[in-house]
Each structure stands twice: as C-alpha cells, then as structure tokens.
Amino acid sequence: MPRAAAYDLLGSVLTQKCLLDVAMNNTRSFVSLPERDRGLAVLVTRTALRHLGEIDAVISAYIEKPLGKRGQGVINILRIGLTQLLFLDMAEHAAVSTAVDLCQGGSLAPYRRLTNAILRRAQREGAELLGTLDAAQLNTSEWLWNSWVKTYGEPVAREIAAQHLNEPPIDLTCKEDSGLWAEKLEADLMPTGSLRLRQKAPITSLPGFDEGAWWVQDAAAALPARLLGDVTDMDVIDLCAAPGGETMELAAAGARVIAVDRSEKRLERVHQNLERTKLTAKIVTADAETWRPDHLADALLLDAPCPATGTARRHPDVLHLKTQQDVIKLAHLQTRLLNAAVEMVRPGGLIVFCTCSLQPEEGLDQIDALLASGAPVELDPIKPSEAGTLTSIVTPQGYLRTLPSHLGDQGGMDGFFAARLRHT
C-alpha cells in the first residue's frame, strides 16, 4: 500500500532523522512495492516534506488539546492525509479512508474518529486556512530562514522558499553536441548549456542513455567544472568526486582526471557512470585531507561536503534534517580540504572551490579566510561570459552564486557557490 509506505518513509525522516534516499533503500514497506506504487509513495512523502510547515499549522488549528505521547504516531498519518487532500488533489474518499485505516490496531486505534474528523474538516475548510498562512516562512526551518533573510534579503528568501514547493525538472549534461540531443530528447537548451527535459520519463528508457551520451546533473552543478577552462591534456584532480558528474565533465573535456573520494561505496557510482559514458579517470579511494598526488596537478576541483542547503528543490528532507551545527562542523572540514587542495596544485595552476550550499559560511567566508591566511593563492575572478547567457549568477566580485530562484519561471536551479583561485 503506497500510503502506508509513505507513512513509514515520513517517520524515518522526521522521527529517526534519516535521509529520504537512505530510508527508501531500507524501508521494507517501500522496497516491496511495485515500481508504480513506489512513485506514488515518494510523491506523497516529498510533497509532505515540502509543505510540512503549512500542514502542521492546519493540524494545530484543528486539534484542541495535545495528543500526548501515545498519540504522536497519528500526526504523521494526518500529514499524509492532508498532503493528498490539500496539495495533490487526490480522491478525497481514498485520502480519508486510507488514513483512517492506518490507525487500525495498536495504540493508534483510539484516534480513528479524530483522524476522520480532522480530514473531513480539512476537506471543507483547509484551502481557505492555507490562504491565511505564510507558507514561505512556515515551510523553512527558522535558522535557515533567518540566514537567508540576512544574506539575501527577505524578498529573495521568499523566492527561494517558493521554488522549494515544486518538484524540480531533470537536467542533463551531454558529452558533446547538446543541440542534437536537445532535439532527440525534446529538451530545452538552457542558458547555461545544460539540457532540461520537458517531461519526466524513466531515465534509462531515454535515447542516448545506453550509449552514454549524457548524464543527469543539475544545471547549477554542471557549472563549476567549466570554470577550469580548457583542460585538454591537463592533469586535473577532482576531490570529493562521487557520484561523478564533474569527473565525467572533465574527462569528456579531455583532461587526465584523478577522482578522489573517501567512500568506496560512493565511488562505485563513479565507476558505473564512467563505464556507461565510456569515459576514463583514475579512481582513488582516500581521505582528501591527507592524500597527496604523485606529482602536482595542473588544476583541481573541490566540490566540498556540505549540508546541501542549496538542493532542497530535489531533497526537501534537507529542510528538516540539517542544522546550524551541521554547517559549523562541515565548514571546518571545508577549510581543511581547501588547505589540502592548495598543496596539490603546481604554481600557476587553478583551483575551483564549490559547495551546493546557500550559507555564506560555506562559500564567501571560506575564500575570504583562505586569502587572509597568506596561502599561496590569489583570486582569479570569474567572468560573466563564463555563465553562458545567465550572467546574473556571477557576482561583481567574480564569484559564481546560483540560487533556486534563478531561472525560476523555468523550474529553478540548485543553489551553488563557486570561486576560482590561481596558485601563485
């Protein structure tokens, strides 16, 4: 039953603090579903996570007194039911009856009547109540909201939050001849050079998949590797390389790539992607903080680990799982990785540092600190022309800064920061 699986998935994320992708691999009720039913379970779960603040505000308005510890399990049942009624326009009877059925047996049985009453009331009044709520702020963790308002201003913070409510389109990076594949795939050629599919379909069934002509990669994620310029016959290190999108970009551009990641399991994805696309790279399982190449590289790309606050369009669980402490912890790791990266590149070589984060601690603050430390690097400002026709994503200081609200009328893009440095 897909709704029961959605209930289990939502509990894994919100109660057990498990990433949704991990929960999908480990939740028996979900894994045992047919493929079509899995799609419905994921849609319900992801939509509930996108609108969680609004949904909880509705529940709070309709529950007169706290449910107590025994009744906490019914909250997720209500969340699943309200998601279907208020945001997915699913059959009202099915949404209500399946929610009531989820209360059968055990400690939730006494809450069947309450569940039915709340969902029936939401059928009548829910849309009107939603119209009175501040969706942008409610659906965003307080610490994230405050950070985005401080960094970008409230109007932009609201634009970012608005993009998080929509399922994102699928972007592709082509090995070559993007125009040809745009025609074959009936895709849009984006201002940044990526392809954006107009309709969702099983990726493995699309033209070009089997021959490895392209790979899935958000339009923003495809930009940092290009900032290294012409890498033909150059030795390029890709630090924290998995799952391999940037490794494939660099290899397709003619570089001799060393892809380094500490996770052997994640590097299996890099192997698989390289094999499918018929591209080559040297794969190294190592801790990038301590690993060093046999000889200094011509260029290096560091897509550093971060809480991925820029990817909530695709991973709405980020909005509810990541904390300010995660940012602080990973910012320290980014600093160490950036210092290590400097030691891997020859004088005159380029370093591109990037994170899929919207937090200044994981972007501009890192570069400011590195430059102030006396490290043998200097800023090599990015030119607006390097962003295709979307020149607004290059700041006056020469950094790349994409926001989910960029290309908002076309589905948005992930939030990324990137800076280019030259070893002196």
Protein backbone atom coordinates (compact mmCIF):
# COMPACT_ATOMS: atom_id res chain seq x y z
CA MET A 1 0.00 0.00 0.00
CA PRO A 2 1.78 3.19 -1.14
CA ARG A 3 0.22 5.42 1.52
CA ALA A 4 1.39 3.09 4.27
CA ALA A 5 4.88 3.17 2.75
CA ALA A 6 4.72 6.98 2.66
CA TYR A 7 3.79 6.94 6.35
CA ASP A 8 6.82 4.77 7.11
CA LEU A 9 9.13 6.92 4.99
CA LEU A 10 7.94 10.12 6.64
CA GLY A 11 8.51 8.59 10.06
CA SER A 12 12.03 7.57 9.10
CA VAL A 13 12.87 11.13 8.05
CA LEU A 14 11.15 13.12 10.79
CA THR A 15 11.41 10.74 13.74
CA GLN A 16 14.55 8.75 13.05
CA LYS A 17 16.29 11.68 11.28
CA CYS A 18 17.17 9.52 8.28
CA LEU A 19 17.83 10.96 4.83
CA LEU A 20 14.96 10.15 2.50
CA ASP A 21 17.23 8.45 -0.07
CA VAL A 22 18.56 6.18 2.68
CA ALA A 23 15.07 5.49 4.03
CA MET A 24 13.90 4.46 0.55
CA ASN A 25 16.59 1.77 0.46
CA ASN A 26 15.93 0.49 3.98
CA THR A 27 12.14 0.68 4.46
CA ARG A 28 10.61 -2.75 3.82
CA SER A 29 7.09 -1.48 3.11
CA PHE A 30 8.51 0.75 0.38
CA VAL A 31 11.02 -1.68 -1.16
CA SER A 32 8.33 -4.35 -1.51
CA LEU A 33 6.02 -2.10 -3.55
CA PRO A 34 5.66 -2.38 -7.34
CA GLU A 35 7.52 0.37 -9.21
CA ARG A 36 4.35 2.35 -9.97
CA ASP A 37 3.27 2.36 -6.33
CA ARG A 38 6.75 3.43 -5.24
CA GLY A 39 6.36 6.55 -7.36
CA LEU A 40 3.15 7.46 -5.54
CA ALA A 41 4.70 6.82 -2.12
CA VAL A 42 7.68 9.05 -2.95
CA LEU A 43 5.46 11.79 -4.35
CA VAL A 44 3.32 11.87 -1.21
CA THR A 45 6.35 11.82 1.09
CA ARG A 46 8.26 14.52 -0.76
CA THR A 47 5.18 16.74 -1.01
CA ALA A 48 4.55 16.36 2.71
CA LEU A 49 8.14 17.42 3.42
CA ARG A 50 7.86 20.42 1.08
CA HIS A 51 4.68 21.67 2.78
CA LEU A 52 5.34 20.42 6.32
CA GLY A 53 5.04 23.81 7.99
CA GLU A 54 1.67 24.52 6.41
CA ILE A 55 0.41 21.01 7.15
CA ASP A 56 1.40 21.23 10.80
CA ALA A 57 -0.27 24.64 11.08
CA VAL A 58 -3.52 23.09 9.84
CA ILE A 59 -3.20 20.20 12.32
CA SER A 60 -2.56 22.64 15.17
CA ALA A 61 -5.64 24.65 14.20
CA TYR A 62 -7.84 21.54 14.28
CA ILE A 63 -6.57 19.80 17.41
CA GLU A 64 -7.95 21.36 20.56
CA LYS A 65 -5.56 19.73 23.04
CA PRO A 66 -2.21 17.93 22.79
CA LEU A 67 -2.43 14.28 21.80
CA GLY A 68 0.16 13.15 24.31
CA LYS A 69 2.96 10.71 23.77
CA ARG A 70 0.66 7.84 22.75
CA GLY A 71 -0.94 9.91 20.03
CA GLN A 72 2.20 11.23 18.37
CA GLY A 73 2.12 8.49 15.75
CA VAL A 74 -1.16 9.80 14.41
CA ILE A 75 0.45 13.12 13.46
CA ASN A 76 2.27 11.53 10.53
CA ILE A 77 -0.94 9.82 9.44
CA LEU A 78 -2.65 13.22 9.40
CA ARG A 79 0.29 14.68 7.50
CA ILE A 80 -0.07 12.00 4.80
CA GLY A 81 -3.81 12.55 4.56
CA LEU A 82 -3.60 16.34 4.44
CA THR A 83 -0.87 16.19 1.80
CA GLN A 84 -3.21 14.31 -0.50
CA LEU A 85 -6.23 16.49 0.23
CA LEU A 86 -4.61 19.92 0.14
CA PHE A 87 -1.64 19.64 -2.21
CA LEU A 88 -2.03 16.65 -4.53
CA ASP A 89 -5.70 16.88 -5.41
CA MET A 90 -6.16 13.15 -4.87
CA ALA A 91 -9.51 11.44 -4.42
CA GLU A 92 -10.92 12.68 -1.13
CA HIS A 93 -12.52 9.40 -0.15
CA ALA A 94 -9.29 7.46 -0.71
CA ALA A 95 -7.22 10.00 1.20
CA VAL A 96 -9.52 9.92 4.22
CA SER A 97 -10.32 6.21 4.29
CA THR A 98 -6.72 5.08 3.92
CA ALA A 99 -5.63 7.44 6.70
CA VAL A 100 -8.31 6.02 9.00
CA ASP A 101 -7.22 2.52 8.04
CA LEU A 102 -3.65 3.34 9.08
CA CYS A 103 -4.98 3.91 12.60
CA GLN A 104 -6.24 0.35 12.91
CA GLY A 105 -4.82 -1.72 15.71
CA GLY A 106 -2.35 -0.92 18.45
CA SER A 107 -2.05 2.40 20.21
CA LEU A 108 -3.44 4.39 17.27
CA ALA A 109 -6.84 2.69 17.18
CA PRO A 110 -8.45 5.22 19.57
CA TYR A 111 -7.58 8.02 17.13
CA ARG A 112 -9.56 6.76 14.15
CA ARG A 113 -12.52 9.04 14.80
CA LEU A 114 -10.25 12.04 15.41
CA THR A 115 -8.35 11.36 12.18
CA ASN A 116 -11.58 11.11 10.21
CA ALA A 117 -12.97 14.32 11.76
CA ILE A 118 -9.83 16.38 11.09
CA LEU A 119 -9.53 15.25 7.47
CA ARG A 120 -13.22 15.81 6.81
CA ARG A 121 -12.91 19.30 8.23
CA ALA A 122 -9.83 19.94 6.07
CA GLN A 123 -11.89 18.94 3.02
CA ARG A 124 -14.29 21.77 3.82
CA GLU A 125 -12.01 24.47 5.27
CA GLY A 126 -8.40 23.55 4.54
CA ALA A 127 -7.90 25.56 1.35
CA GLU A 128 -9.23 28.72 2.99
CA LEU A 129 -6.99 28.24 6.02
CA LEU A 130 -3.93 27.75 3.82
CA GLY A 131 -4.63 31.09 2.21
CA THR A 132 -4.04 32.82 5.55
CA LEU A 133 -0.64 31.23 6.21
CA ASP A 134 2.89 32.48 5.46
CA ALA A 135 3.93 29.39 3.51
CA ALA A 136 7.49 30.53 2.74
CA GLN A 137 8.44 31.01 6.37
CA LEU A 138 6.42 28.12 7.78
CA ASN A 139 7.98 25.57 5.42
CA THR A 140 11.55 26.70 6.17
CA SER A 141 13.45 25.93 9.35
CA GLU A 142 13.84 29.06 11.47
CA TRP A 143 17.63 29.01 11.36
CA LEU A 144 17.65 28.69 7.57
CA TRP A 145 15.03 31.39 7.11
CA ASN A 146 16.94 33.84 9.30
CA SER A 147 20.20 33.07 7.48
CA TRP A 148 18.68 33.58 4.02
CA VAL A 149 16.94 36.80 5.01
CA LYS A 150 20.20 38.15 6.45
CA THR A 151 22.29 37.06 3.45
CA TYR A 152 19.94 37.74 0.52
CA GLY A 153 17.12 39.89 1.89
CA GLU A 154 13.54 38.79 2.61
CA PRO A 155 12.20 39.12 -0.97
CA VAL A 156 14.87 36.74 -2.31
CA ALA A 157 14.43 34.40 0.68
CA ARG A 158 10.76 34.15 -0.25
CA GLU A 159 11.63 33.42 -3.87
CA ILE A 160 13.98 30.64 -2.73
CA ALA A 161 11.32 29.14 -0.47
CA ALA A 162 8.75 29.30 -3.26
CA GLN A 163 10.95 27.16 -5.52
CA HIS A 164 11.21 24.51 -2.81
CA LEU A 165 7.48 23.79 -3.15
CA ASN A 166 7.84 22.42 -6.68
CA GLU A 167 9.18 19.14 -7.97
CA PRO A 168 12.29 20.09 -9.97
CA PRO A 169 12.79 19.28 -13.64
CA ILE A 170 15.54 16.90 -14.73
CA ASP A 171 18.70 18.40 -16.25
CA LEU A 172 21.26 16.60 -18.38
CA THR A 173 24.88 17.25 -19.30
CA CYS A 174 25.94 15.98 -22.74
CA LYS A 175 29.37 14.70 -23.70
CA GLU A 176 29.05 16.63 -26.96
CA ASP A 177 26.54 18.16 -29.39
CA SER A 178 23.97 19.39 -26.90
CA GLY A 179 21.87 20.87 -29.68
CA LEU A 180 21.46 17.49 -31.36
CA TRP A 181 20.45 15.80 -28.12
CA ALA A 182 18.04 18.61 -27.32
CA GLU A 183 16.18 17.68 -30.49
CA LYS A 184 16.34 13.93 -29.90
CA LEU A 185 15.16 14.23 -26.31
CA GLU A 186 12.69 17.07 -26.97
CA ALA A 187 14.52 19.00 -24.26
CA ASP A 188 15.20 22.69 -23.74
CA LEU A 189 18.74 24.01 -24.13
CA MET A 190 19.26 26.12 -21.00
CA PRO A 191 21.17 29.43 -20.93
CA THR A 192 23.98 27.69 -19.04
CA GLY A 193 24.37 24.94 -21.66
CA SER A 194 22.55 22.10 -19.87
CA LEU A 195 19.51 20.31 -21.28
CA ARG A 196 16.24 20.37 -19.36
CA LEU A 197 13.70 17.64 -20.02
CA ARG A 198 10.20 18.91 -20.67
CA GLN A 199 8.52 15.78 -19.39
CA LYS A 200 9.57 13.22 -16.82
CA ALA A 201 10.21 9.69 -18.01
CA PRO A 202 12.32 6.75 -16.84
CA ILE A 203 15.87 7.94 -17.44
CA THR A 204 17.08 4.56 -18.59
CA SER A 205 14.48 4.48 -21.38
CA LEU A 206 15.56 7.76 -23.00
CA PRO A 207 17.58 7.95 -26.21
CA GLY A 208 21.28 8.22 -25.52
CA PHE A 209 21.27 6.57 -22.11
CA ASP A 210 22.64 3.19 -23.15
CA GLU A 211 25.38 4.72 -25.29
CA GLY A 212 26.35 7.12 -22.50
CA ALA A 213 25.74 10.31 -24.48
CA TRP A 214 24.66 12.25 -21.37
CA TRP A 215 24.18 12.05 -17.63
CA VAL A 216 21.78 13.58 -15.12
CA GLN A 217 23.23 16.70 -13.49
CA ASP A 218 21.50 19.85 -12.28
CA ALA A 219 22.25 22.91 -14.40
CA ALA A 220 23.99 24.63 -11.49
CA ALA A 221 26.10 21.58 -10.62
CA ALA A 222 27.44 21.49 -14.19
CA LEU A 223 28.98 24.96 -13.96
CA PRO A 224 31.99 24.66 -11.57
CA ALA A 225 33.96 22.18 -13.70
CA ARG A 226 33.71 24.52 -16.68
CA LEU A 227 35.41 27.28 -14.70
CA LEU A 228 38.73 25.46 -15.15
CA GLY A 229 38.61 26.39 -18.83
CA ASP A 230 40.29 24.27 -21.49
CA VAL A 231 41.61 21.21 -19.66
CA THR A 232 42.72 19.24 -22.71
CA ASP A 233 45.71 17.03 -21.83
CA MET A 234 45.88 18.54 -18.34
CA ASP A 235 46.26 16.65 -15.06
CA VAL A 236 43.14 17.53 -13.08
CA ILE A 237 42.17 16.31 -9.60
CA ASP A 238 38.52 16.01 -8.69
CA LEU A 239 38.34 15.96 -4.89
CA CYS A 240 35.24 14.53 -3.19
CA ALA A 241 34.33 13.23 -6.63
CA ALA A 242 31.36 10.92 -6.07
CA PRO A 243 28.91 10.40 -7.68
CA GLY A 244 30.99 11.59 -10.63
CA GLY A 245 29.17 14.27 -12.60
CA GLU A 246 32.13 16.61 -12.56
CA THR A 247 34.58 13.76 -13.16
CA MET A 248 32.71 12.94 -16.36
CA GLU A 249 32.63 16.59 -17.41
CA LEU A 250 36.40 16.90 -17.01
CA ALA A 251 37.12 13.59 -18.71
CA ALA A 252 34.82 14.48 -21.61
CA ALA A 253 36.71 17.76 -21.96
CA GLY A 254 39.98 15.88 -22.48
CA ALA A 255 41.56 16.02 -19.02
CA ARG A 256 43.53 13.27 -17.32
CA VAL A 257 41.36 13.04 -14.23
CA ILE A 258 42.15 11.65 -10.81
CA ALA A 259 38.84 11.23 -8.96
CA VAL A 260 39.34 11.09 -5.19
CA ASP A 261 36.71 10.21 -2.59
CA ARG A 262 36.90 8.61 0.83
CA SER A 263 33.79 6.46 0.28
CA GLU A 264 34.46 3.27 -1.66
CA LYS A 265 30.72 2.64 -1.91
CA ARG A 266 30.06 6.06 -3.43
CA LEU A 267 32.97 5.57 -5.83
CA GLU A 268 31.16 2.54 -7.22
CA ARG A 269 28.72 5.04 -8.74
CA VAL A 270 31.65 6.85 -10.36
CA HIS A 271 32.89 3.56 -11.85
CA GLN A 272 29.41 2.78 -13.19
CA ASN A 273 28.93 6.24 -14.66
CA LEU A 274 32.33 6.21 -16.34
CA GLU A 275 31.69 2.77 -17.77
CA ARG A 276 28.32 3.79 -19.21
CA THR A 277 29.66 7.01 -20.74
CA LYS A 278 32.84 5.30 -22.00
CA LEU A 279 34.99 7.89 -20.26
CA THR A 280 38.16 7.24 -18.26
CA ALA A 281 39.56 8.52 -15.00
CA LYS A 282 41.87 7.22 -12.30
CA ILE A 283 39.79 6.36 -9.23
CA VAL A 284 41.39 6.77 -5.79
CA THR A 285 39.75 5.82 -2.51
CA ALA A 286 41.39 8.11 0.04
CA ASP A 287 40.84 10.85 2.58
CA ALA A 288 41.45 14.07 0.66
CA GLU A 289 42.74 15.78 3.81
CA THR A 290 45.81 13.54 3.91
CA TRP A 291 46.13 12.11 0.38
CA ARG A 292 48.58 13.77 -1.98
CA PRO A 293 49.19 13.09 -5.72
CA ASP A 294 52.44 11.69 -7.09
CA HIS A 295 53.04 15.00 -8.84
CA LEU A 296 51.39 18.42 -8.64
CA ALA A 297 48.29 18.82 -10.77
CA ASP A 298 47.59 21.47 -13.39
CA ALA A 299 44.14 22.11 -11.93
CA LEU A 300 41.85 20.92 -9.16
CA LEU A 301 38.13 20.94 -8.49
CA LEU A 302 36.90 20.68 -4.90
CA ASP A 303 33.15 20.19 -4.58
CA ALA A 304 33.29 20.12 -0.81
CA PRO A 305 30.93 18.24 1.51
CA CYS A 306 28.20 20.48 2.91
CA PRO A 307 24.66 20.21 4.35
CA ALA A 308 23.39 20.77 0.79
CA THR A 309 21.01 23.59 1.68
CA GLY A 310 21.04 24.60 -1.99
CA THR A 311 19.47 21.31 -3.11
CA ALA A 312 16.16 21.40 -1.20
CA ARG A 313 14.28 21.50 -4.53
CA ARG A 314 15.40 17.92 -5.08
CA HIS A 315 15.91 16.91 -1.44
CA PRO A 316 13.19 18.51 0.71
CA ASP A 317 14.29 16.43 3.72
CA VAL A 318 17.28 18.79 3.96
CA LEU A 319 14.93 21.49 5.25
CA HIS A 320 14.05 19.36 8.28
CA LEU A 321 17.23 17.39 8.98
CA LYS A 322 20.11 19.84 8.70
CA THR A 323 21.03 22.25 11.49
CA GLN A 324 23.31 25.19 12.07
CA GLN A 325 25.66 22.79 13.84
CA ASP A 326 25.98 20.81 10.63
CA VAL A 327 27.06 23.98 8.83
CA ILE A 328 29.65 24.78 11.51
CA LYS A 329 31.04 21.24 11.52
CA LEU A 330 31.27 20.94 7.74
CA ALA A 331 32.68 24.45 7.34
CA HIS A 332 35.65 23.33 9.41
CA LEU A 333 36.07 20.33 7.13
CA GLN A 334 35.84 22.56 4.05
CA THR A 335 38.63 24.73 5.43
CA ARG A 336 40.88 21.71 5.91
CA LEU A 337 40.09 20.36 2.44
CA LEU A 338 40.73 23.74 0.84
CA ASN A 339 44.12 24.00 2.51
CA ALA A 340 44.93 20.47 1.36
CA ALA A 341 43.88 21.33 -2.19
CA VAL A 342 46.38 24.19 -2.32
CA GLU A 343 49.18 21.69 -1.68
CA MET A 344 48.14 19.54 -4.66
CA VAL A 345 48.43 22.13 -7.45
CA ARG A 346 51.50 23.48 -9.22
CA PRO A 347 52.31 27.19 -9.27
CA GLY A 348 50.16 28.83 -11.91
CA GLY A 349 47.55 26.08 -11.65
CA LEU A 350 43.86 26.67 -10.99
CA ILE A 351 41.67 25.62 -8.08
CA VAL A 352 37.88 25.79 -8.18
CA PHE A 353 36.16 25.51 -4.81
CA CYS A 354 32.41 24.99 -4.75
CA THR A 355 29.57 23.89 -2.47
CA CYS A 356 25.89 23.23 -3.11
CA SER A 357 25.07 25.49 -0.18
CA LEU A 358 23.25 28.76 0.33
CA GLN A 359 25.13 29.53 3.55
CA PRO A 360 27.88 32.20 3.49
CA GLU A 361 29.96 30.14 5.95
CA GLU A 362 30.33 27.56 3.18
CA GLY A 363 31.08 29.98 0.39
CA LEU A 364 32.43 33.52 0.50
CA ASP A 365 33.59 33.20 4.13
CA GLN A 366 35.79 30.23 3.18
CA ILE A 367 37.53 32.14 0.40
CA ASP A 368 37.97 35.28 2.48
CA ALA A 369 39.60 33.23 5.25
CA LEU A 370 41.91 31.41 2.84
CA LEU A 371 43.07 34.61 1.17
CA ALA A 372 43.62 36.26 4.56
CA SER A 373 45.65 33.28 5.79
CA GLY A 374 48.56 34.01 3.47
CA ALA A 375 48.11 30.82 1.46
CA PRO A 376 49.92 30.96 -1.91
CA VAL A 377 46.78 31.65 -3.94
CA GLU A 378 45.04 34.63 -5.45
CA LEU A 379 41.50 35.12 -6.65
CA ASP A 380 41.00 34.56 -10.38
CA PRO A 381 37.67 36.33 -10.88
CA ILE A 382 35.01 34.51 -12.89
CA LYS A 383 33.79 36.47 -15.90
CA PRO A 384 30.05 36.86 -16.56
CA SER A 385 30.58 35.41 -20.03
CA GLU A 386 31.57 32.10 -18.44
CA ALA A 387 27.98 31.61 -17.26
CA GLY A 388 26.51 31.42 -20.74
CA THR A 389 23.76 33.97 -21.15
CA LEU A 390 22.78 33.80 -17.46
CA THR A 391 25.30 36.46 -16.49
CA SER A 392 23.44 37.45 -13.31
CA ILE A 393 24.80 34.40 -11.47
CA VAL A 394 28.31 35.91 -11.47
CA THR A 395 28.78 38.45 -8.68
CA PRO A 396 30.61 41.78 -9.13
CA GLN A 397 33.49 40.29 -7.10
CA GLY A 398 33.89 37.43 -9.58
CA TYR A 399 32.22 34.57 -7.72
CA LEU A 400 29.58 32.20 -9.01
CA ARG A 401 26.38 32.28 -6.94
CA THR A 402 23.31 30.43 -8.13
CA LEU A 403 20.02 30.43 -6.23
CA PRO A 404 17.00 28.14 -6.52
CA SER A 405 15.07 31.18 -7.73
CA HIS A 406 17.36 31.69 -10.75
CA LEU A 407 15.51 30.58 -13.90
CA GLY A 408 12.50 30.35 -11.60
CA ASP A 409 9.97 30.54 -14.42
CA GLN A 410 11.68 27.52 -15.99
CA GLY A 411 11.88 25.38 -12.86
CA GLY A 412 14.77 26.98 -10.98
CA MET A 413 18.20 25.51 -10.30
CA ASP A 414 20.21 24.33 -7.32
CA GLY A 415 21.97 26.81 -5.07
CA PHE A 416 25.73 26.75 -5.67
CA PHE A 417 28.73 28.86 -4.72
CA ALA A 418 31.99 28.65 -6.66
CA ALA A 419 35.26 30.57 -6.57
CA ARG A 420 38.33 30.22 -8.79
CA LEU A 421 41.83 30.60 -7.38
CA ARG A 422 45.24 30.58 -9.01
CA HIS A 423 48.24 29.10 -7.24
CA THR A 424 50.99 31.73 -7.05
